[in-house]
Amino acid sequence: MTFGVGGGEVNIQDMIKPEYLMTSPFTEIKLPTKVEVRVSAHKQEATCLCFNSIGDAVVTGGADNLIKIWSSNTGKEI
């Protein structure tokens, strides 16, 4: 499955290949204590969120049937 992003196309299968996944089933996660970036991502509620393995991109899915990719550094849609 592919979808358009910023004038190009992204293949969703390229984002979920095993080499992109962490090898350890246990990862320590530290949650922030304050909101640093707030983004209106979808016209309806966001229903899922996933970070890539290096943490520089976030993918959101929403009740509006859209999948969006965001830069976690800038908070802007890629």
PDB file of N, CA and C in Angstrom:
ATOM      1  N   MET A   1       0.846  -1.176   0.000  1.00  0.00           N
ATOM      2  CA  MET A   1       0.000   0.000   0.000  1.00  0.00           C
ATOM      3  C   MET A   1       0.885   1.231   0.000  1.00  0.00           C
ATOM      4  N   THR A   2       0.594   2.183  -0.868  1.00  0.00           N
ATOM      5  CA  THR A   2       1.338   3.438  -0.909  1.00  0.00           C
ATOM      6  C   THR A   2       0.379   4.598  -0.707  1.00  0.00           C
ATOM      7  N   PHE A   3       0.900   5.685  -0.218  1.00  0.00           N
ATOM      8  CA  PHE A   3       0.107   6.892  -0.090  1.00  0.00           C
ATOM      9  C   PHE A   3       1.013   8.085  -0.332  1.00  0.00           C
ATOM     10  N   GLY A   4       0.411   9.190  -0.773  1.00  0.00           N
ATOM     11  CA  GLY A   4       1.171  10.382  -1.124  1.00  0.00           C
ATOM     12  C   GLY A   4       1.598  11.165   0.089  1.00  0.00           C
ATOM     13  N   VAL A   5       2.841  11.642   0.058  1.00  0.00           N
ATOM     14  CA  VAL A   5       3.370  12.461   1.138  1.00  0.00           C
ATOM     15  C   VAL A   5       4.223  13.556   0.528  1.00  0.00           C
ATOM     16  N   GLY A   6       3.830  14.792   0.714  1.00  0.00           N
ATOM     17  CA  GLY A   6       4.624  15.930   0.265  1.00  0.00           C
ATOM     18  C   GLY A   6       5.032  15.867  -1.198  1.00  0.00           C
ATOM     19  N   GLY A   7       4.133  15.428  -2.064  1.00  0.00           N
ATOM     20  CA  GLY A   7       4.430  15.368  -3.483  1.00  0.00           C
ATOM     21  C   GLY A   7       5.064  14.064  -3.925  1.00  0.00           C
ATOM     22  N   GLY A   8       5.382  13.163  -2.993  1.00  0.00           N
ATOM     23  CA  GLY A   8       5.953  11.857  -3.329  1.00  0.00           C
ATOM     24  C   GLY A   8       5.059  10.759  -2.805  1.00  0.00           C
ATOM     25  N   GLU A   9       5.527   9.533  -2.910  1.00  0.00           N
ATOM     26  CA  GLU A   9       4.767   8.404  -2.400  1.00  0.00           C
ATOM     27  C   GLU A   9       5.591   7.650  -1.365  1.00  0.00           C
ATOM     28  N   VAL A  10       4.911   7.113  -0.366  1.00  0.00           N
ATOM     29  CA  VAL A  10       5.545   6.307   0.668  1.00  0.00           C
ATOM     30  C   VAL A  10       4.886   4.946   0.665  1.00  0.00           C
ATOM     31  N   ASN A  11       5.694   3.897   0.646  1.00  0.00           N
ATOM     32  CA  ASN A  11       5.189   2.534   0.722  1.00  0.00           C
ATOM     33  C   ASN A  11       5.120   2.145   2.191  1.00  0.00           C
ATOM     34  N   ILE A  12       3.942   1.853   2.682  1.00  0.00           N
ATOM     35  CA  ILE A  12       3.756   1.531   4.105  1.00  0.00           C
ATOM     36  C   ILE A  12       4.555   0.294   4.510  1.00  0.00           C
ATOM     37  N   GLN A  13       4.785  -0.648   3.585  1.00  0.00           N
ATOM     38  CA  GLN A  13       5.569  -1.843   3.894  1.00  0.00           C
ATOM     39  C   GLN A  13       7.013  -1.488   4.239  1.00  0.00           C
ATOM     40  N   ASP A  14       7.547  -0.408   3.665  1.00  0.00           N
ATOM     41  CA  ASP A  14       8.911   0.013   3.975  1.00  0.00           C
ATOM     42  C   ASP A  14       9.038   0.525   5.398  1.00  0.00           C
ATOM     43  N   MET A  15       7.930   0.893   5.999  1.00  0.00           N
ATOM     44  CA  MET A  15       7.971   1.443   7.350  1.00  0.00           C
ATOM     45  C   MET A  15       7.862   0.374   8.421  1.00  0.00           C
ATOM     46  N   ILE A  16       7.484  -0.843   8.053  1.00  0.00           N
ATOM     47  CA  ILE A  16       7.271  -1.872   9.081  1.00  0.00           C
ATOM     48  C   ILE A  16       8.160  -3.101   8.873  1.00  0.00           C
ATOM     49  N   LYS A  17       9.249  -2.960   8.122  1.00  0.00           N
ATOM     50  CA  LYS A  17      10.178  -4.067   7.941  1.00  0.00           C
ATOM     51  C   LYS A  17      10.829  -4.415   9.282  1.00  0.00           C
ATOM     52  N   PRO A  18      11.126  -5.684   9.515  1.00  0.00           N
ATOM     53  CA  PRO A  18      11.708  -6.103  10.797  1.00  0.00           C
ATOM     54  C   PRO A  18      12.989  -5.373  11.169  1.00  0.00           C
ATOM     55  N   GLU A  19      13.807  -4.978  10.201  1.00  0.00           N
ATOM     56  CA  GLU A  19      15.054  -4.292  10.552  1.00  0.00           C
ATOM     57  C   GLU A  19      14.822  -2.917  11.163  1.00  0.00           C
ATOM     58  N   TYR A  20      13.603  -2.381  11.031  1.00  0.00           N
ATOM     59  CA  TYR A  20      13.288  -1.103  11.650  1.00  0.00           C
ATOM     60  C   TYR A  20      12.786  -1.263  13.087  1.00  0.00           C
ATOM     61  N   LEU A  21      12.494  -2.460  13.482  1.00  0.00           N
ATOM     62  CA  LEU A  21      11.948  -2.702  14.811  1.00  0.00           C
ATOM     63  C   LEU A  21      13.067  -2.886  15.818  1.00  0.00           C
ATOM     64  N   MET A  22      12.808  -2.557  17.055  1.00  0.00           N
ATOM     65  CA  MET A  22      13.801  -2.757  18.111  1.00  0.00           C
ATOM     66  C   MET A  22      13.954  -4.246  18.380  1.00  0.00           C
ATOM     67  N   THR A  23      15.162  -4.671  18.699  1.00  0.00           N
ATOM     68  CA  THR A  23      15.419  -6.091  18.915  1.00  0.00           C
ATOM     69  C   THR A  23      15.022  -6.541  20.320  1.00  0.00           C
ATOM     70  N   SER A  24      15.053  -5.680  21.279  1.00  0.00           N
ATOM     71  CA  SER A  24      14.691  -6.039  22.640  1.00  0.00           C
ATOM     72  C   SER A  24      13.195  -5.879  22.861  1.00  0.00           C
ATOM     73  N   PRO A  25      12.557  -6.865  23.505  1.00  0.00           N
ATOM     74  CA  PRO A  25      11.131  -6.715  23.788  1.00  0.00           C
ATOM     75  C   PRO A  25      10.857  -5.721  24.919  1.00  0.00           C
ATOM     76  N   PHE A  26      11.911  -5.341  25.655  1.00  0.00           N
ATOM     77  CA  PHE A  26      11.742  -4.423  26.770  1.00  0.00           C
ATOM     78  C   PHE A  26      12.547  -3.156  26.525  1.00  0.00           C
ATOM     79  N   THR A  27      11.879  -2.033  26.572  1.00  0.00           N
ATOM     80  CA  THR A  27      12.525  -0.756  26.347  1.00  0.00           C
ATOM     81  C   THR A  27      12.084   0.208  27.431  1.00  0.00           C
ATOM     82  N   GLU A  28      13.041   0.917  28.002  1.00  0.00           N
ATOM     83  CA  GLU A  28      12.696   1.916  29.001  1.00  0.00           C
ATOM     84  C   GLU A  28      12.218   3.172  28.284  1.00  0.00           C
ATOM     85  N   ILE A  29      11.068   3.656  28.666  1.00  0.00           N
ATOM     86  CA  ILE A  29      10.495   4.850  28.058  1.00  0.00           C
ATOM     87  C   ILE A  29      10.299   5.896  29.141  1.00  0.00           C
ATOM     88  N   LYS A  30      10.815   7.074  28.899  1.00  0.00           N
ATOM     89  CA  LYS A  30      10.621   8.183  29.830  1.00  0.00           C
ATOM     90  C   LYS A  30       9.630   9.147  29.209  1.00  0.00           C
ATOM     91  N   LEU A  31       8.527   9.360  29.865  1.00  0.00           N
ATOM     92  CA  LEU A  31       7.497  10.257  29.358  1.00  0.00           C
ATOM     93  C   LEU A  31       7.810  11.696  29.740  1.00  0.00           C
ATOM     94  N   PRO A  32       7.529  12.623  28.843  1.00  0.00           N
ATOM     95  CA  PRO A  32       7.762  14.031  29.183  1.00  0.00           C
ATOM     96  C   PRO A  32       6.791  14.488  30.270  1.00  0.00           C
ATOM     97  N   THR A  33       7.191  15.511  30.987  1.00  0.00           N
ATOM     98  CA  THR A  33       6.334  16.030  32.062  1.00  0.00           C
ATOM     99  C   THR A  33       5.501  17.224  31.610  1.00  0.00           C
ATOM    100  N   LYS A  34       5.793  17.749  30.410  1.00  0.00           N
ATOM    101  CA  LYS A  34       4.998  18.856  29.888  1.00  0.00           C
ATOM    102  C   LYS A  34       4.869  18.722  28.372  1.00  0.00           C
ATOM    103  N   VAL A  35       3.833  19.323  27.831  1.00  0.00           N
ATOM    104  CA  VAL A  35       3.618  19.320  26.387  1.00  0.00           C
ATOM    105  C   VAL A  35       4.538  20.359  25.767  1.00  0.00           C
ATOM    106  N   GLU A  36       5.345  19.935  24.796  1.00  0.00           N
ATOM    107  CA  GLU A  36       6.241  20.870  24.124  1.00  0.00           C
ATOM    108  C   GLU A  36       5.704  21.275  22.763  1.00  0.00           C
ATOM    109  N   VAL A  37       5.034  20.358  22.072  1.00  0.00           N
ATOM    110  CA  VAL A  37       4.462  20.644  20.757  1.00  0.00           C
ATOM    111  C   VAL A  37       3.067  20.049  20.720  1.00  0.00           C
ATOM    112  N   ARG A  38       2.084  20.847  20.340  1.00  0.00           N
ATOM    113  CA  ARG A  38       0.713  20.362  20.194  1.00  0.00           C
ATOM    114  C   ARG A  38       0.315  20.564  18.741  1.00  0.00           C
ATOM    115  N   VAL A  39      -0.196  19.499  18.115  1.00  0.00           N
ATOM    116  CA  VAL A  39      -0.516  19.530  16.695  1.00  0.00           C
ATOM    117  C   VAL A  39      -1.962  19.100  16.498  1.00  0.00           C
ATOM    118  N   SER A  40      -2.715  19.848  15.711  1.00  0.00           N
ATOM    119  CA  SER A  40      -4.040  19.399  15.287  1.00  0.00           C
ATOM    120  C   SER A  40      -3.825  18.456  14.113  1.00  0.00           C
ATOM    121  N   ALA A  41      -3.815  17.166  14.391  1.00  0.00           N
ATOM    122  CA  ALA A  41      -3.411  16.193  13.390  1.00  0.00           C
ATOM    123  C   ALA A  41      -4.543  15.764  12.470  1.00  0.00           C
ATOM    124  N   HIS A  42      -5.736  15.633  13.005  1.00  0.00           N
ATOM    125  CA  HIS A  42      -6.836  15.063  12.238  1.00  0.00           C
ATOM    126  C   HIS A  42      -8.121  15.856  12.469  1.00  0.00           C
ATOM    127  N   LYS A  43      -9.042  15.766  11.504  1.00  0.00           N
ATOM    128  CA  LYS A  43     -10.323  16.459  11.628  1.00  0.00           C
ATOM    129  C   LYS A  43     -11.182  15.834  12.717  1.00  0.00           C
ATOM    130  N   GLN A  44     -10.996  14.536  12.940  1.00  0.00           N
ATOM    131  CA  GLN A  44     -11.646  13.836  14.048  1.00  0.00           C
ATOM    132  C   GLN A  44     -10.536  13.359  14.978  1.00  0.00           C
ATOM    133  N   GLU A  45     -10.864  12.535  15.971  1.00  0.00           N
ATOM    134  CA  GLU A  45      -9.854  12.137  16.934  1.00  0.00           C
ATOM    135  C   GLU A  45      -8.775  11.258  16.299  1.00  0.00           C
ATOM    136  N   ALA A  46      -7.558  11.379  16.839  1.00  0.00           N
ATOM    137  CA  ALA A  46      -6.466  10.489  16.444  1.00  0.00           C
ATOM    138  C   ALA A  46      -6.689   9.172  17.178  1.00  0.00           C
ATOM    139  N   THR A  47      -6.583   8.057  16.467  1.00  0.00           N
ATOM    140  CA  THR A  47      -6.866   6.755  17.072  1.00  0.00           C
ATOM    141  C   THR A  47      -5.618   5.910  17.296  1.00  0.00           C
ATOM    142  N   CYS A  48      -4.497   6.269  16.661  1.00  0.00           N
ATOM    143  CA  CYS A  48      -3.261   5.525  16.905  1.00  0.00           C
ATOM    144  C   CYS A  48      -2.061   6.419  16.620  1.00  0.00           C
ATOM    145  N   LEU A  49      -0.939   6.040  17.217  1.00  0.00           N
ATOM    146  CA  LEU A  49       0.286   6.803  17.091  1.00  0.00           C
ATOM    147  C   LEU A  49       1.453   5.839  17.151  1.00  0.00           C
ATOM    148  N   CYS A  50       2.457   6.034  16.303  1.00  0.00           N
ATOM    149  CA  CYS A  50       3.626   5.159  16.295  1.00  0.00           C
ATOM    150  C   CYS A  50       4.860   5.995  15.971  1.00  0.00           C
ATOM    151  N   PHE A  51       5.945   5.778  16.726  1.00  0.00           N
ATOM    152  CA  PHE A  51       7.222   6.419  16.444  1.00  0.00           C
ATOM    153  C   PHE A  51       8.082   5.465  15.631  1.00  0.00           C
ATOM    154  N   ASN A  52       8.967   6.009  14.781  1.00  0.00           N
ATOM    155  CA  ASN A  52       9.919   5.135  14.117  1.00  0.00           C
ATOM    156  C   ASN A  52      11.022   4.770  15.102  1.00  0.00           C
ATOM    157  N   SER A  53      11.912   3.862  14.726  1.00  0.00           N
ATOM    158  CA  SER A  53      12.888   3.314  15.671  1.00  0.00           C
ATOM    159  C   SER A  53      13.908   4.332  16.169  1.00  0.00           C
ATOM    160  N   ILE A  54      14.173   5.398  15.416  1.00  0.00           N
ATOM    161  CA  ILE A  54      15.119   6.400  15.905  1.00  0.00           C
ATOM    162  C   ILE A  54      14.428   7.623  16.500  1.00  0.00           C
ATOM    163  N   GLY A  55      13.118   7.640  16.452  1.00  0.00           N
ATOM    164  CA  GLY A  55      12.345   8.679  17.132  1.00  0.00           C
ATOM    165  C   GLY A  55      12.246  10.009  16.438  1.00  0.00           C
ATOM    166  N   ASP A  56      12.621  10.100  15.152  1.00  0.00           N
ATOM    167  CA  ASP A  56      12.538  11.395  14.492  1.00  0.00           C
ATOM    168  C   ASP A  56      11.275  11.564  13.655  1.00  0.00           C
ATOM    169  N   ALA A  57      10.437  10.533  13.606  1.00  0.00           N
ATOM    170  CA  ALA A  57       9.174  10.620  12.871  1.00  0.00           C
ATOM    171  C   ALA A  57       8.064   9.952  13.661  1.00  0.00           C
ATOM    172  N   VAL A  58       6.874  10.479  13.503  1.00  0.00           N
ATOM    173  CA  VAL A  58       5.688   9.957  14.167  1.00  0.00           C
ATOM    174  C   VAL A  58       4.630   9.736  13.090  1.00  0.00           C
ATOM    175  N   VAL A  59       3.943   8.611  13.163  1.00  0.00           N
ATOM    176  CA  VAL A  59       2.840   8.332  12.248  1.00  0.00           C
ATOM    177  C   VAL A  59       1.562   8.317  13.070  1.00  0.00           C
ATOM    178  N   THR A  60       0.543   9.053  12.611  1.00  0.00           N
ATOM    179  CA  THR A  60      -0.743   9.051  13.289  1.00  0.00           C
ATOM    180  C   THR A  60      -1.823   8.532  12.347  1.00  0.00           C
ATOM    181  N   GLY A  61      -2.778   7.858  12.924  1.00  0.00           N
ATOM    182  CA  GLY A  61      -3.967   7.426  12.188  1.00  0.00           C
ATOM    183  C   GLY A  61      -5.171   8.003  12.895  1.00  0.00           C
ATOM    184  N   GLY A  62      -6.182   8.381  12.128  1.00  0.00           N
ATOM    185  CA  GLY A  62      -7.323   9.025  12.742  1.00  0.00           C
ATOM    186  C   GLY A  62      -8.652   8.463  12.297  1.00  0.00           C
ATOM    187  N   ALA A  63      -9.693   8.858  13.008  1.00  0.00           N
ATOM    188  CA  ALA A  63     -11.055   8.455  12.683  1.00  0.00           C
ATOM    189  C   ALA A  63     -11.501   9.058  11.361  1.00  0.00           C
ATOM    190  N   ASP A  64     -10.724   9.999  10.822  1.00  0.00           N
ATOM    191  CA  ASP A  64     -11.020  10.576   9.516  1.00  0.00           C
ATOM    192  C   ASP A  64     -10.456   9.719   8.373  1.00  0.00           C
ATOM    193  N   ASN A  65      -9.974   8.513   8.715  1.00  0.00           N
ATOM    194  CA  ASN A  65      -9.423   7.546   7.747  1.00  0.00           C
ATOM    195  C   ASN A  65      -8.161   8.045   7.057  1.00  0.00           C
ATOM    196  N   LEU A  66      -7.384   8.887   7.726  1.00  0.00           N
ATOM    197  CA  LEU A  66      -6.129   9.382   7.176  1.00  0.00           C
ATOM    198  C   LEU A  66      -4.961   8.863   8.007  1.00  0.00           C
ATOM    199  N   ILE A  67      -3.834   8.640   7.335  1.00  0.00           N
ATOM    200  CA  ILE A  67      -2.573   8.325   7.994  1.00  0.00           C
ATOM    201  C   ILE A  67      -1.639   9.477   7.668  1.00  0.00           C
ATOM    202  N   LYS A  68      -1.012  10.048   8.697  1.00  0.00           N
ATOM    203  CA  LYS A  68      -0.122  11.185   8.487  1.00  0.00           C
ATOM    204  C   LYS A  68       1.228  10.908   9.129  1.00  0.00           C
ATOM    205  N   ILE A  69       2.282  11.432   8.500  1.00  0.00           N
ATOM    206  CA  ILE A  69       3.637  11.286   9.013  1.00  0.00           C
ATOM    207  C   ILE A  69       4.127  12.665   9.430  1.00  0.00           C
ATOM    208  N   TRP A  70       4.708  12.746  10.629  1.00  0.00           N
ATOM    209  CA  TRP A  70       5.119  14.014  11.228  1.00  0.00           C
ATOM    210  C   TRP A  70       6.591  13.961  11.616  1.00  0.00           C
ATOM    211  N   SER A  71       7.248  15.095  11.582  1.00  0.00           N
ATOM    212  CA  SER A  71       8.593  15.209  12.128  1.00  0.00           C
ATOM    213  C   SER A  71       8.454  15.418  13.634  1.00  0.00           C
ATOM    214  N   SER A  72       9.095  14.569  14.414  1.00  0.00           N
ATOM    215  CA  SER A  72       9.016  14.763  15.869  1.00  0.00           C
ATOM    216  C   SER A  72       9.916  15.903  16.310  1.00  0.00           C
ATOM    217  N   ASN A  73      10.824  16.334  15.458  1.00  0.00           N
ATOM    218  CA  ASN A  73      11.703  17.466  15.791  1.00  0.00           C
ATOM    219  C   ASN A  73      10.996  18.798  15.629  1.00  0.00           C
ATOM    220  N   THR A  74      10.152  18.921  14.594  1.00  0.00           N
ATOM    221  CA  THR A  74       9.505  20.197  14.321  1.00  0.00           C
ATOM    222  C   THR A  74       8.006  20.199  14.618  1.00  0.00           C
ATOM    223  N   GLY A  75       7.390  19.003  14.671  1.00  0.00           N
ATOM    224  CA  GLY A  75       5.957  18.923  14.865  1.00  0.00           C
ATOM    225  C   GLY A  75       5.173  19.181  13.593  1.00  0.00           C
ATOM    226  N   LYS A  76       5.876  19.280  12.451  1.00  0.00           N
ATOM    227  CA  LYS A  76       5.208  19.559  11.181  1.00  0.00           C
ATOM    228  C   LYS A  76       4.993  18.281  10.383  1.00  0.00           C
ATOM    229  N   GLU A  77       3.926  18.294   9.592  1.00  0.00           N
ATOM    230  CA  GLU A  77       3.615  17.149   8.740  1.00  0.00           C
ATOM    231  C   GLU A  77       4.667  17.046   7.638  1.00  0.00           C
ATOM    232  N   ILE A  78       5.126  15.823   7.413  1.00  0.00           N
ATOM    233  CA  ILE A  78       6.142  15.576   6.376  1.00  0.00           C
ATOM    234  C   ILE A  78       5.452  15.335   5.053  1.00  0.00           C
TER     235      ILE A  78
END
